[in-house]
Amino acid sequence: ILGEATLPVKFATFLLREAVALSERRAAFVSAVTHELRTPLTTFRMYAEMLAQGMIPDEARRGEYLRTLQTEAERLSRLVENVLSYARLEGGRGRGFPLGEIELGELIDRCRPRLEERAEQAGLTLVLDLPGEVRRFIVRTDASAVEQILFNLIDNAAKYAAAAADRRTVVTAARAGRFVAIRVADRGPGLDGEARRRLFQPFSRSAERAAQSAPGVGLGLALSRRLAREMGGDLRFDAETTDGAAFILLLPVA
């Protein structure tokens, strides 16, 4: 009887521990988002005031300031897009989005301009290595969700592999049972054990961690995995890669 009586206590303790952990992760997430918003907004305000007051008479410098504002605007857009997408999934509003059938080559071609643009911004070269027979695979998916996933993967490479000696980010694909496996690999520093354990955990980066490493709130990979699984696929870290980092997106074959 005593053993049975302790079960509700253990369950309540477990629920309390999980609630505290979730609260801590959410607090860290809010802190990191606030940090990420503050930096570009400060730049916007300062540069906009200087341009409005005619404090930048040199045309070349004005162009440089405007390009910086454009870069910061894109950074804010990526952050907002990921936060809103994750919020929709958490609230159940993203579930059951319609899937369609599309050739892999056509799908990649749709995403290519945006992926190349992000890679070029970081000084990386995007290499798409998809043989003809692979391009003809038919996958059942949502093209917009796949574009967001692949963009997050390229964005991740842009943050961490921009200083690598080999500045290529290589995208390949192959059949993997009932899936097509799209592999995105960079030649950056790779990831240690602790970083690998946190890869797909939402709300896992504090403002301090974000300030000490690449910009971001640690949400892109968590969102990308959720999107992949909503489509019947998955997103995995390629643990066998030793030279850089690689992720594998699995999409169901139609």
C-alpha atoms as a PDB file:
ATOM      1  CA  ILE A   1       0.000   0.000   0.000  1.00  0.00           C
ATOM      2  CA  LEU A   2       2.823   2.327   0.888  1.00  0.00           C
ATOM      3  CA  GLY A   3       4.468   1.662  -2.481  1.00  0.00           C
ATOM      4  CA  GLU A   4       1.208   2.442  -4.270  1.00  0.00           C
ATOM      5  CA  ALA A   5       0.812   5.650  -2.293  1.00  0.00           C
ATOM      6  CA  THR A   6       4.189   6.920  -3.451  1.00  0.00           C
ATOM      7  CA  LEU A   7       3.227   6.655  -7.132  1.00  0.00           C
ATOM      8  CA  PRO A   8       1.146   9.895  -7.209  1.00  0.00           C
ATOM      9  CA  VAL A   9       3.954  11.690  -5.388  1.00  0.00           C
ATOM     10  CA  LYS A  10       6.534  10.473  -7.918  1.00  0.00           C
ATOM     11  CA  PHE A  11       4.261  11.439 -10.796  1.00  0.00           C
ATOM     12  CA  ALA A  12       3.653  14.894  -9.346  1.00  0.00           C
ATOM     13  CA  THR A  13       7.392  15.328  -8.807  1.00  0.00           C
ATOM     14  CA  PHE A  14       8.028  14.338 -12.417  1.00  0.00           C
ATOM     15  CA  LEU A  15       5.413  16.813 -13.695  1.00  0.00           C
ATOM     16  CA  LEU A  16       6.856  19.572 -11.523  1.00  0.00           C
ATOM     17  CA  ARG A  17      10.386  18.864 -12.760  1.00  0.00           C
ATOM     18  CA  GLU A  18       9.225  18.925 -16.382  1.00  0.00           C
ATOM     19  CA  ALA A  19       7.297  22.162 -15.842  1.00  0.00           C
ATOM     20  CA  VAL A  20      10.335  23.836 -14.287  1.00  0.00           C
ATOM     21  CA  ALA A  21      12.576  22.619 -17.125  1.00  0.00           C
ATOM     22  CA  LEU A  22      10.117  23.935 -19.717  1.00  0.00           C
ATOM     23  CA  SER A  23       9.869  27.257 -17.910  1.00  0.00           C
ATOM     24  CA  GLU A  24      13.667  27.554 -17.850  1.00  0.00           C
ATOM     25  CA  ARG A  25      13.926  26.759 -21.563  1.00  0.00           C
ATOM     26  CA  ARG A  26      11.243  29.301 -22.395  1.00  0.00           C
ATOM     27  CA  ALA A  27      12.976  31.939 -20.287  1.00  0.00           C
ATOM     28  CA  ALA A  28      16.274  31.223 -22.054  1.00  0.00           C
ATOM     29  CA  PHE A  29      14.483  31.431 -25.397  1.00  0.00           C
ATOM     30  CA  VAL A  30      12.906  34.801 -24.586  1.00  0.00           C
ATOM     31  CA  SER A  31      16.274  36.068 -23.391  1.00  0.00           C
ATOM     32  CA  ALA A  32      18.006  34.943 -26.574  1.00  0.00           C
ATOM     33  CA  VAL A  33      15.266  36.367 -28.830  1.00  0.00           C
ATOM     34  CA  THR A  34      15.461  39.681 -26.996  1.00  0.00           C
ATOM     35  CA  HIS A  35      19.216  39.734 -27.517  1.00  0.00           C
ATOM     36  CA  GLU A  36      18.815  38.901 -31.214  1.00  0.00           C
ATOM     37  CA  LEU A  37      16.219  41.645 -31.695  1.00  0.00           C
ATOM     38  CA  ARG A  38      18.158  44.302 -29.805  1.00  0.00           C
ATOM     39  CA  THR A  39      21.293  44.150 -31.969  1.00  0.00           C
ATOM     40  CA  PRO A  40      19.712  44.741 -35.406  1.00  0.00           C
ATOM     41  CA  LEU A  41      17.183  47.245 -34.016  1.00  0.00           C
ATOM     42  CA  THR A  42      20.011  49.285 -32.521  1.00  0.00           C
ATOM     43  CA  THR A  43      21.753  49.271 -35.900  1.00  0.00           C
ATOM     44  CA  PHE A  44      18.528  50.288 -37.651  1.00  0.00           C
ATOM     45  CA  ARG A  45      17.956  53.212 -35.333  1.00  0.00           C
ATOM     46  CA  MET A  46      21.532  54.514 -35.428  1.00  0.00           C
ATOM     47  CA  TYR A  47      22.073  54.167 -39.185  1.00  0.00           C
ATOM     48  CA  ALA A  48      18.614  55.503 -40.042  1.00  0.00           C
ATOM     49  CA  GLU A  49      19.172  58.599 -37.904  1.00  0.00           C
ATOM     50  CA  MET A  50      22.575  59.246 -39.467  1.00  0.00           C
ATOM     51  CA  LEU A  51      21.216  58.863 -43.003  1.00  0.00           C
ATOM     52  CA  ALA A  52      18.151  60.999 -42.272  1.00  0.00           C
ATOM     53  CA  GLN A  53      20.260  63.803 -40.812  1.00  0.00           C
ATOM     54  CA  GLY A  54      22.681  63.799 -43.748  1.00  0.00           C
ATOM     55  CA  MET A  55      25.606  62.774 -41.583  1.00  0.00           C
ATOM     56  CA  ILE A  56      26.947  60.414 -44.279  1.00  0.00           C
ATOM     57  CA  PRO A  57      27.851  62.696 -47.199  1.00  0.00           C
ATOM     58  CA  ASP A  58      30.049  60.154 -48.971  1.00  0.00           C
ATOM     59  CA  GLU A  59      27.997  58.162 -51.484  1.00  0.00           C
ATOM     60  CA  ALA A  60      30.094  54.995 -51.109  1.00  0.00           C
ATOM     61  CA  ARG A  61      29.627  55.021 -47.345  1.00  0.00           C
ATOM     62  CA  ARG A  62      25.886  55.591 -47.730  1.00  0.00           C
ATOM     63  CA  GLY A  63      25.742  52.510 -49.925  1.00  0.00           C
ATOM     64  CA  GLU A  64      27.651  50.541 -47.285  1.00  0.00           C
ATOM     65  CA  TYR A  65      25.232  51.647 -44.573  1.00  0.00           C
ATOM     66  CA  LEU A  66      22.237  50.737 -46.715  1.00  0.00           C
ATOM     67  CA  ARG A  67      23.663  47.278 -47.404  1.00  0.00           C
ATOM     68  CA  THR A  68      24.129  46.786 -43.666  1.00  0.00           C
ATOM     69  CA  LEU A  69      20.520  47.762 -43.063  1.00  0.00           C
ATOM     70  CA  GLN A  70      19.418  45.274 -45.723  1.00  0.00           C
ATOM     71  CA  THR A  71      21.467  42.489 -44.104  1.00  0.00           C
ATOM     72  CA  GLU A  72      20.002  43.227 -40.680  1.00  0.00           C
ATOM     73  CA  ALA A  73      16.485  43.313 -42.140  1.00  0.00           C
ATOM     74  CA  GLU A  74      17.005  39.866 -43.655  1.00  0.00           C
ATOM     75  CA  ARG A  75      18.346  38.587 -40.353  1.00  0.00           C
ATOM     76  CA  LEU A  76      15.243  39.879 -38.547  1.00  0.00           C
ATOM     77  CA  SER A  77      12.991  38.311 -41.181  1.00  0.00           C
ATOM     78  CA  ARG A  78      14.629  34.903 -40.710  1.00  0.00           C
ATOM     79  CA  LEU A  79      14.227  35.127 -36.953  1.00  0.00           C
ATOM     80  CA  VAL A  80      10.567  36.152 -37.141  1.00  0.00           C
ATOM     81  CA  GLU A  81       9.804  33.477 -39.766  1.00  0.00           C
ATOM     82  CA  ASN A  82      11.254  30.718 -37.591  1.00  0.00           C
ATOM     83  CA  VAL A  83       9.582  31.935 -34.385  1.00  0.00           C
ATOM     84  CA  LEU A  84       6.158  32.232 -36.021  1.00  0.00           C
ATOM     85  CA  SER A  85       6.470  28.846 -37.744  1.00  0.00           C
ATOM     86  CA  TYR A  86       7.429  27.135 -34.503  1.00  0.00           C
ATOM     87  CA  ALA A  87       4.599  28.856 -32.644  1.00  0.00           C
ATOM     88  CA  ARG A  88       2.102  27.595 -35.241  1.00  0.00           C
ATOM     89  CA  LEU A  89       3.368  24.032 -34.833  1.00  0.00           C
ATOM     90  CA  GLU A  90       3.312  24.264 -31.033  1.00  0.00           C
ATOM     91  CA  GLY A  91      -0.257  25.539 -31.177  1.00  0.00           C
ATOM     92  CA  GLY A  92      -1.309  22.746 -33.510  1.00  0.00           C
ATOM     93  CA  ARG A  93      -2.116  25.172 -36.325  1.00  0.00           C
ATOM     94  CA  GLY A  94       0.626  23.823 -38.580  1.00  0.00           C
ATOM     95  CA  ARG A  95      -0.456  20.216 -38.448  1.00  0.00           C
ATOM     96  CA  GLY A  96      -1.912  18.518 -41.459  1.00  0.00           C
ATOM     97  CA  PHE A  97      -0.747  21.014 -44.062  1.00  0.00           C
ATOM     98  CA  PRO A  98      -1.446  19.680 -47.562  1.00  0.00           C
ATOM     99  CA  LEU A  99       1.247  17.561 -49.193  1.00  0.00           C
ATOM    100  CA  GLY A 100       1.807  17.215 -52.908  1.00  0.00           C
ATOM    101  CA  GLU A 101       3.940  15.154 -55.253  1.00  0.00           C
ATOM    102  CA  ILE A 102       6.901  16.787 -56.961  1.00  0.00           C
ATOM    103  CA  GLU A 103      10.121  15.750 -58.669  1.00  0.00           C
ATOM    104  CA  LEU A 104      13.126  16.238 -56.443  1.00  0.00           C
ATOM    105  CA  GLY A 105      14.964  18.207 -59.146  1.00  0.00           C
ATOM    106  CA  GLU A 106      12.081  20.661 -59.522  1.00  0.00           C
ATOM    107  CA  LEU A 107      11.850  21.013 -55.748  1.00  0.00           C
ATOM    108  CA  ILE A 108      15.556  21.814 -55.407  1.00  0.00           C
ATOM    109  CA  ASP A 109      15.409  24.237 -58.351  1.00  0.00           C
ATOM    110  CA  ARG A 110      12.639  26.174 -56.586  1.00  0.00           C
ATOM    111  CA  CYS A 111      14.781  26.545 -53.472  1.00  0.00           C
ATOM    112  CA  ARG A 112      18.081  27.170 -55.229  1.00  0.00           C
ATOM    113  CA  PRO A 113      18.037  30.994 -55.672  1.00  0.00           C
ATOM    114  CA  ARG A 114      17.342  31.665 -52.002  1.00  0.00           C
ATOM    115  CA  LEU A 115      19.885  29.071 -50.848  1.00  0.00           C
ATOM    116  CA  GLU A 116      22.594  30.443 -53.148  1.00  0.00           C
ATOM    117  CA  GLU A 117      21.916  33.990 -52.004  1.00  0.00           C
ATOM    118  CA  ARG A 118      22.327  33.053 -48.330  1.00  0.00           C
ATOM    119  CA  ALA A 119      25.519  31.096 -49.037  1.00  0.00           C
ATOM    120  CA  GLU A 120      26.994  33.991 -51.034  1.00  0.00           C
ATOM    121  CA  GLN A 121      26.262  36.416 -48.200  1.00  0.00           C
ATOM    122  CA  ALA A 122      28.613  34.351 -46.017  1.00  0.00           C
ATOM    123  CA  GLY A 123      31.231  33.910 -48.729  1.00  0.00           C
ATOM    124  CA  LEU A 124      30.321  30.251 -49.219  1.00  0.00           C
ATOM    125  CA  THR A 125      29.815  28.365 -52.459  1.00  0.00           C
ATOM    126  CA  LEU A 126      26.695  26.217 -52.735  1.00  0.00           C
ATOM    127  CA  VAL A 127      27.380  22.990 -54.638  1.00  0.00           C
ATOM    128  CA  LEU A 128      24.359  20.964 -55.771  1.00  0.00           C
ATOM    129  CA  ASP A 129      25.438  17.448 -56.732  1.00  0.00           C
ATOM    130  CA  LEU A 130      22.270  15.699 -57.859  1.00  0.00           C
ATOM    131  CA  PRO A 131      22.605  13.173 -60.721  1.00  0.00           C
ATOM    132  CA  GLY A 132      19.839  12.990 -63.292  1.00  0.00           C
ATOM    133  CA  GLU A 133      18.280   9.809 -61.926  1.00  0.00           C
ATOM    134  CA  VAL A 134      18.117  11.329 -58.441  1.00  0.00           C
ATOM    135  CA  ARG A 135      16.471  14.499 -59.749  1.00  0.00           C
ATOM    136  CA  ARG A 136      13.657  12.363 -61.182  1.00  0.00           C
ATOM    137  CA  PHE A 137      12.661  10.879 -57.824  1.00  0.00           C
ATOM    138  CA  ILE A 138       9.083  11.828 -56.883  1.00  0.00           C
ATOM    139  CA  VAL A 139       8.652  12.905 -53.267  1.00  0.00           C
ATOM    140  CA  ARG A 140       5.495  13.613 -51.310  1.00  0.00           C
ATOM    141  CA  THR A 141       6.047  16.820 -49.409  1.00  0.00           C
ATOM    142  CA  ASP A 142       5.302  20.513 -48.999  1.00  0.00           C
ATOM    143  CA  ALA A 143       7.647  22.620 -51.123  1.00  0.00           C
ATOM    144  CA  SER A 144       7.508  25.691 -48.863  1.00  0.00           C
ATOM    145  CA  ALA A 145       8.347  23.662 -45.758  1.00  0.00           C
ATOM    146  CA  VAL A 146      11.273  21.980 -47.527  1.00  0.00           C
ATOM    147  CA  GLU A 147      12.586  25.362 -48.631  1.00  0.00           C
ATOM    148  CA  GLN A 148      12.445  26.622 -45.049  1.00  0.00           C
ATOM    149  CA  ILE A 149      14.285  23.514 -43.791  1.00  0.00           C
ATOM    150  CA  LEU A 150      17.019  23.714 -46.430  1.00  0.00           C
ATOM    151  CA  PHE A 151      17.383  27.446 -45.881  1.00  0.00           C
ATOM    152  CA  ASN A 152      17.858  26.885 -42.151  1.00  0.00           C
ATOM    153  CA  LEU A 153      20.546  24.297 -42.900  1.00  0.00           C
ATOM    154  CA  ILE A 154      22.375  26.662 -45.261  1.00  0.00           C
ATOM    155  CA  ASP A 155      21.953  29.468 -42.733  1.00  0.00           C
ATOM    156  CA  ASN A 156      23.505  27.213 -40.097  1.00  0.00           C
ATOM    157  CA  ALA A 157      26.491  26.554 -42.371  1.00  0.00           C
ATOM    158  CA  ALA A 158      26.783  30.282 -43.086  1.00  0.00           C
ATOM    159  CA  LYS A 159      27.054  30.992 -39.365  1.00  0.00           C
ATOM    160  CA  TYR A 160      29.583  28.323 -38.450  1.00  0.00           C
ATOM    161  CA  ALA A 161      31.546  27.452 -41.593  1.00  0.00           C
ATOM    162  CA  ALA A 162      32.145  30.907 -43.092  1.00  0.00           C
ATOM    163  CA  ALA A 163      35.751  30.917 -41.861  1.00  0.00           C
ATOM    164  CA  ALA A 164      36.591  27.408 -43.112  1.00  0.00           C
ATOM    165  CA  ALA A 165      39.422  26.883 -45.562  1.00  0.00           C
ATOM    166  CA  ASP A 166      37.100  24.871 -47.793  1.00  0.00           C
ATOM    167  CA  ARG A 167      34.180  27.223 -48.332  1.00  0.00           C
ATOM    168  CA  ARG A 168      31.892  24.793 -50.104  1.00  0.00           C
ATOM    169  CA  THR A 169      28.525  23.708 -48.785  1.00  0.00           C
ATOM    170  CA  VAL A 170      27.589  20.557 -50.659  1.00  0.00           C
ATOM    171  CA  VAL A 171      24.053  19.275 -51.191  1.00  0.00           C
ATOM    172  CA  THR A 172      23.665  15.676 -52.362  1.00  0.00           C
ATOM    173  CA  ALA A 173      20.748  13.243 -52.467  1.00  0.00           C
ATOM    174  CA  ALA A 174      20.223   9.497 -52.674  1.00  0.00           C
ATOM    175  CA  ARG A 175      17.494   6.906 -52.215  1.00  0.00           C
ATOM    176  CA  ALA A 176      17.247   5.538 -48.664  1.00  0.00           C
ATOM    177  CA  GLY A 177      14.544   2.873 -48.566  1.00  0.00           C
ATOM    178  CA  ARG A 178      11.160   4.584 -48.728  1.00  0.00           C
ATOM    179  CA  PHE A 179      12.802   7.995 -48.419  1.00  0.00           C
ATOM    180  CA  VAL A 180      14.980  10.340 -50.412  1.00  0.00           C
ATOM    181  CA  ALA A 181      17.884  11.483 -48.235  1.00  0.00           C
ATOM    182  CA  ILE A 182      19.067  15.052 -48.910  1.00  0.00           C
ATOM    183  CA  ARG A 183      22.453  15.650 -47.282  1.00  0.00           C
ATOM    184  CA  VAL A 184      23.738  19.168 -46.559  1.00  0.00           C
ATOM    185  CA  ALA A 185      27.417  19.208 -45.544  1.00  0.00           C
ATOM    186  CA  ASP A 186      29.864  21.987 -44.730  1.00  0.00           C
ATOM    187  CA  ARG A 187      33.583  22.021 -43.930  1.00  0.00           C
ATOM    188  CA  GLY A 188      33.335  24.025 -40.738  1.00  0.00           C
ATOM    189  CA  PRO A 189      34.638  23.138 -37.269  1.00  0.00           C
ATOM    190  CA  GLY A 190      32.004  20.476 -36.639  1.00  0.00           C
ATOM    191  CA  LEU A 191      30.246  19.843 -33.340  1.00  0.00           C
ATOM    192  CA  ASP A 192      31.325  18.416 -30.011  1.00  0.00           C
ATOM    193  CA  GLY A 193      29.278  15.984 -27.946  1.00  0.00           C
ATOM    194  CA  GLU A 194      27.429  18.598 -25.904  1.00  0.00           C
ATOM    195  CA  ALA A 195      26.493  20.625 -28.982  1.00  0.00           C
ATOM    196  CA  ARG A 196      25.194  17.491 -30.693  1.00  0.00           C
ATOM    197  CA  ARG A 197      22.944  16.686 -27.748  1.00  0.00           C
ATOM    198  CA  ARG A 198      21.411  20.161 -27.876  1.00  0.00           C
ATOM    199  CA  LEU A 199      21.046  20.395 -31.658  1.00  0.00           C
ATOM    200  CA  PHE A 200      17.314  19.834 -31.939  1.00  0.00           C
ATOM    201  CA  GLN A 201      16.261  21.180 -28.537  1.00  0.00           C
ATOM    202  CA  PRO A 202      14.138  24.346 -28.752  1.00  0.00           C
ATOM    203  CA  PHE A 203      14.788  27.191 -26.325  1.00  0.00           C
ATOM    204  CA  SER A 204      18.278  25.795 -25.671  1.00  0.00           C
ATOM    205  CA  ARG A 205      20.387  28.929 -26.284  1.00  0.00           C
ATOM    206  CA  SER A 206      20.600  31.737 -23.770  1.00  0.00           C
ATOM    207  CA  ALA A 207      21.547  35.290 -24.651  1.00  0.00           C
ATOM    208  CA  GLU A 208      25.003  34.642 -23.208  1.00  0.00           C
ATOM    209  CA  ARG A 209      25.570  31.614 -25.428  1.00  0.00           C
ATOM    210  CA  ALA A 210      24.224  33.475 -28.460  1.00  0.00           C
ATOM    211  CA  ALA A 211      26.592  36.366 -27.785  1.00  0.00           C
ATOM    212  CA  GLN A 212      29.587  34.076 -27.418  1.00  0.00           C
ATOM    213  CA  SER A 213      28.992  32.166 -30.659  1.00  0.00           C
ATOM    214  CA  ALA A 214      27.175  32.717 -33.935  1.00  0.00           C
ATOM    215  CA  PRO A 215      23.960  34.805 -33.918  1.00  0.00           C
ATOM    216  CA  GLY A 216      20.733  32.913 -33.429  1.00  0.00           C
ATOM    217  CA  VAL A 217      18.390  31.548 -30.799  1.00  0.00           C
ATOM    218  CA  GLY A 218      18.855  27.846 -31.481  1.00  0.00           C
ATOM    219  CA  LEU A 219      15.396  27.454 -33.002  1.00  0.00           C
ATOM    220  CA  GLY A 220      16.107  26.792 -36.697  1.00  0.00           C
ATOM    221  CA  LEU A 221      17.110  23.138 -36.363  1.00  0.00           C
ATOM    222  CA  ALA A 222      14.351  22.338 -33.856  1.00  0.00           C
ATOM    223  CA  LEU A 223      11.781  23.882 -36.192  1.00  0.00           C
ATOM    224  CA  SER A 224      13.250  22.102 -39.209  1.00  0.00           C
ATOM    225  CA  ARG A 225      13.008  18.696 -37.544  1.00  0.00           C
ATOM    226  CA  ARG A 226       9.394  19.397 -36.541  1.00  0.00           C
ATOM    227  CA  LEU A 227       8.519  20.402 -40.111  1.00  0.00           C
ATOM    228  CA  ALA A 228      10.219  17.300 -41.538  1.00  0.00           C
ATOM    229  CA  ARG A 229       8.329  14.997 -39.193  1.00  0.00           C
ATOM    230  CA  GLU A 230       5.029  16.747 -39.915  1.00  0.00           C
ATOM    231  CA  MET A 231       5.580  15.720 -43.554  1.00  0.00           C
ATOM    232  CA  GLY A 232       6.284  12.101 -42.649  1.00  0.00           C
ATOM    233  CA  GLY A 233      10.054  12.483 -42.914  1.00  0.00           C
ATOM    234  CA  ASP A 234      12.827  13.385 -40.511  1.00  0.00           C
ATOM    235  CA  LEU A 235      15.920  15.539 -40.030  1.00  0.00           C
ATOM    236  CA  ARG A 236      19.046  13.969 -38.556  1.00  0.00           C
ATOM    237  CA  PHE A 237      22.596  14.934 -37.773  1.00  0.00           C
ATOM    238  CA  ASP A 238      25.107  12.797 -39.663  1.00  0.00           C
ATOM    239  CA  ALA A 239      27.205  11.523 -36.761  1.00  0.00           C
ATOM    240  CA  GLU A 240      29.612   9.755 -39.125  1.00  0.00           C
ATOM    241  CA  THR A 241      30.870  13.046 -40.566  1.00  0.00           C
ATOM    242  CA  THR A 242      34.239  14.009 -39.086  1.00  0.00           C
ATOM    243  CA  ASP A 243      35.235  16.843 -41.433  1.00  0.00           C
ATOM    244  CA  GLY A 244      32.717  19.585 -40.714  1.00  0.00           C
ATOM    245  CA  ALA A 245      29.012  19.068 -40.042  1.00  0.00           C
ATOM    246  CA  ALA A 246      26.314  17.382 -42.098  1.00  0.00           C
ATOM    247  CA  PHE A 247      22.559  17.037 -41.791  1.00  0.00           C
ATOM    248  CA  ILE A 248      20.272  14.577 -43.579  1.00  0.00           C
ATOM    249  CA  LEU A 249      16.716  15.506 -44.530  1.00  0.00           C
ATOM    250  CA  LEU A 250      14.511  12.486 -45.224  1.00  0.00           C
ATOM    251  CA  LEU A 251      11.497  12.996 -47.499  1.00  0.00           C
ATOM    252  CA  PRO A 252       8.982  10.241 -48.269  1.00  0.00           C
ATOM    253  CA  VAL A 253       9.033   8.826 -51.778  1.00  0.00           C
ATOM    254  CA  ALA A 254       5.641   9.062 -53.455  1.00  0.00           C
END
